[in-house]
């Protein structure tokens, strides 16, 4: 048996890859929420609900903080499309996804 130090799991390389994929994971989760809500609406199980003043204020705060539309949709438990549309209606639209992707690409890995 050698006394060589065994690498910890997950390795640094795997940790970096996981951090890069966090945005993709969030998008997949939001898409699942969207599909589930769309299926429920199509089957008549639920109806779209109106936006409350509290949700409008929270949405404005999320936009001001620089949160992505995906994170805002998850926080408000609404679809990405409805959150983006409501933000535009309130006069505080989210930046396009290409801008968010450029921002994510510029962040260094914190490993």
Protein backbone atom coordinates (compact mmCIF):
# COMPACT_ATOMS: atom_id res chain seq x y z
CA UNK A 1 0.00 0.00 0.00
CA UNK A 2 1.35 3.39 -0.87
CA UNK A 3 1.11 6.38 1.40
CA UNK A 4 -0.01 8.58 -1.47
CA UNK A 5 -2.78 10.93 -0.61
CA UNK A 6 -6.06 9.82 -2.14
CA UNK A 7 -7.98 12.57 -3.94
CA UNK A 8 -11.12 13.86 -2.32
CA UNK A 9 -14.41 13.37 -4.02
CA UNK A 10 -15.58 15.22 -6.01
CA UNK A 11 -12.33 16.22 -7.57
CA UNK A 12 -11.46 19.82 -8.37
CA UNK A 13 -12.11 19.20 -12.05
CA UNK A 14 -15.57 17.83 -11.32
CA UNK A 15 -16.34 20.74 -8.98
CA UNK A 16 -15.46 23.25 -11.72
CA UNK A 17 -17.67 21.45 -14.21
CA UNK A 18 -20.53 21.41 -11.70
CA UNK A 19 -20.23 25.15 -11.12
CA UNK A 20 -20.34 25.82 -14.85
CA UNK A 21 -23.43 23.69 -15.19
CA UNK A 22 -25.35 25.37 -12.35
CA UNK A 23 -27.00 27.81 -14.76
CA UNK A 24 -28.01 24.97 -17.04
CA UNK A 25 -29.44 23.04 -14.10
CA UNK A 26 -31.51 26.08 -13.08
CA UNK A 27 -32.83 26.40 -16.62
CA UNK A 28 -33.81 22.72 -16.71
CA UNK A 29 -35.64 23.04 -13.38
CA UNK A 30 -37.50 26.11 -14.60
CA UNK A 31 -38.44 24.31 -17.81
CA UNK A 32 -39.88 21.42 -15.79
CA UNK A 33 -41.96 23.87 -13.76
CA UNK A 34 -43.12 25.51 -16.97
CA UNK A 35 -44.14 22.22 -18.57
CA UNK A 36 -46.00 21.09 -15.47
CA UNK A 37 -47.90 24.37 -15.23
CA UNK A 38 -48.71 24.30 -18.94
CA UNK A 39 -50.04 20.74 -18.72
CA UNK A 40 -52.22 21.65 -15.75
CA UNK A 41 -53.61 24.68 -17.59
CA UNK A 42 -54.30 22.65 -20.71
CA UNK A 43 -56.19 20.01 -18.76
CA UNK A 44 -58.19 22.65 -16.89
CA UNK A 45 -56.87 21.69 -13.45
CA UNK A 46 -55.66 25.19 -12.69
CA UNK A 47 -56.14 28.64 -14.11
CA UNK A 48 -53.54 31.34 -14.43
CA UNK A 49 -53.68 33.63 -11.42
CA UNK A 50 -53.41 37.38 -11.34
CA UNK A 51 -50.26 39.14 -10.20
CA UNK A 52 -50.44 40.70 -6.75
CA UNK A 53 -48.86 43.98 -5.68
CA UNK A 54 -46.42 42.07 -3.47
CA UNK A 55 -45.30 39.91 -6.40
CA UNK A 56 -44.89 43.00 -8.58
CA UNK A 57 -42.68 44.63 -5.95
CA UNK A 58 -40.63 41.45 -5.52
CA UNK A 59 -40.20 41.19 -9.29
CA UNK A 60 -39.00 44.81 -9.47
CA UNK A 61 -36.54 44.13 -6.65
CA UNK A 62 -35.19 41.01 -8.39
CA UNK A 63 -34.66 42.94 -11.63
CA UNK A 64 -32.92 45.75 -9.73
CA UNK A 65 -30.63 43.21 -8.01
CA UNK A 66 -29.61 41.80 -11.39
CA UNK A 67 -31.18 38.36 -10.94
CA UNK A 68 -31.71 36.30 -14.07
CA UNK A 69 -35.19 35.66 -15.39
CA UNK A 70 -34.73 31.98 -14.54
CA UNK A 71 -33.98 32.71 -10.87
CA UNK A 72 -36.87 35.19 -10.68
CA UNK A 73 -39.26 32.63 -12.15
CA UNK A 74 -38.16 30.08 -9.57
CA UNK A 75 -38.47 32.56 -6.72
CA UNK A 76 -41.96 33.65 -7.78
CA UNK A 77 -43.03 30.11 -8.76
CA UNK A 78 -44.16 31.25 -12.18
CA UNK A 79 -43.10 30.46 -15.73
CA UNK A 80 -40.17 32.21 -17.35
CA UNK A 81 -42.42 33.62 -20.07
CA UNK A 82 -44.93 35.07 -17.61
CA UNK A 83 -42.17 36.64 -15.47
CA UNK A 84 -40.45 38.18 -18.50
CA UNK A 85 -43.79 39.49 -19.83
CA UNK A 86 -44.81 40.98 -16.48
CA UNK A 87 -41.42 42.66 -16.05
CA UNK A 88 -41.80 44.30 -19.46
CA UNK A 89 -45.33 45.43 -18.56
CA UNK A 90 -44.02 46.99 -15.34
CA UNK A 91 -41.33 48.86 -17.27
CA UNK A 92 -38.34 46.99 -15.84
CA UNK A 93 -37.44 44.29 -18.39
CA UNK A 94 -34.77 41.67 -17.87
CA UNK A 95 -31.69 41.83 -20.08
CA UNK A 96 -31.59 39.32 -22.93
CA UNK A 97 -30.25 35.86 -22.08
CA UNK A 98 -27.17 36.46 -24.26
CA UNK A 99 -26.14 39.28 -21.92
CA UNK A 100 -26.58 37.00 -18.89
CA UNK A 101 -24.57 34.26 -20.58
CA UNK A 102 -21.73 36.69 -21.28
CA UNK A 103 -21.78 37.72 -17.64
CA UNK A 104 -21.63 34.08 -16.50
CA UNK A 105 -18.80 33.34 -18.95
CA UNK A 106 -16.74 36.19 -17.51
CA UNK A 107 -16.94 34.94 -13.91
CA UNK A 108 -13.93 32.94 -12.74
CA UNK A 109 -14.39 29.59 -11.03
CA UNK A 110 -14.04 29.92 -7.27
CA UNK A 111 -12.22 26.65 -6.73
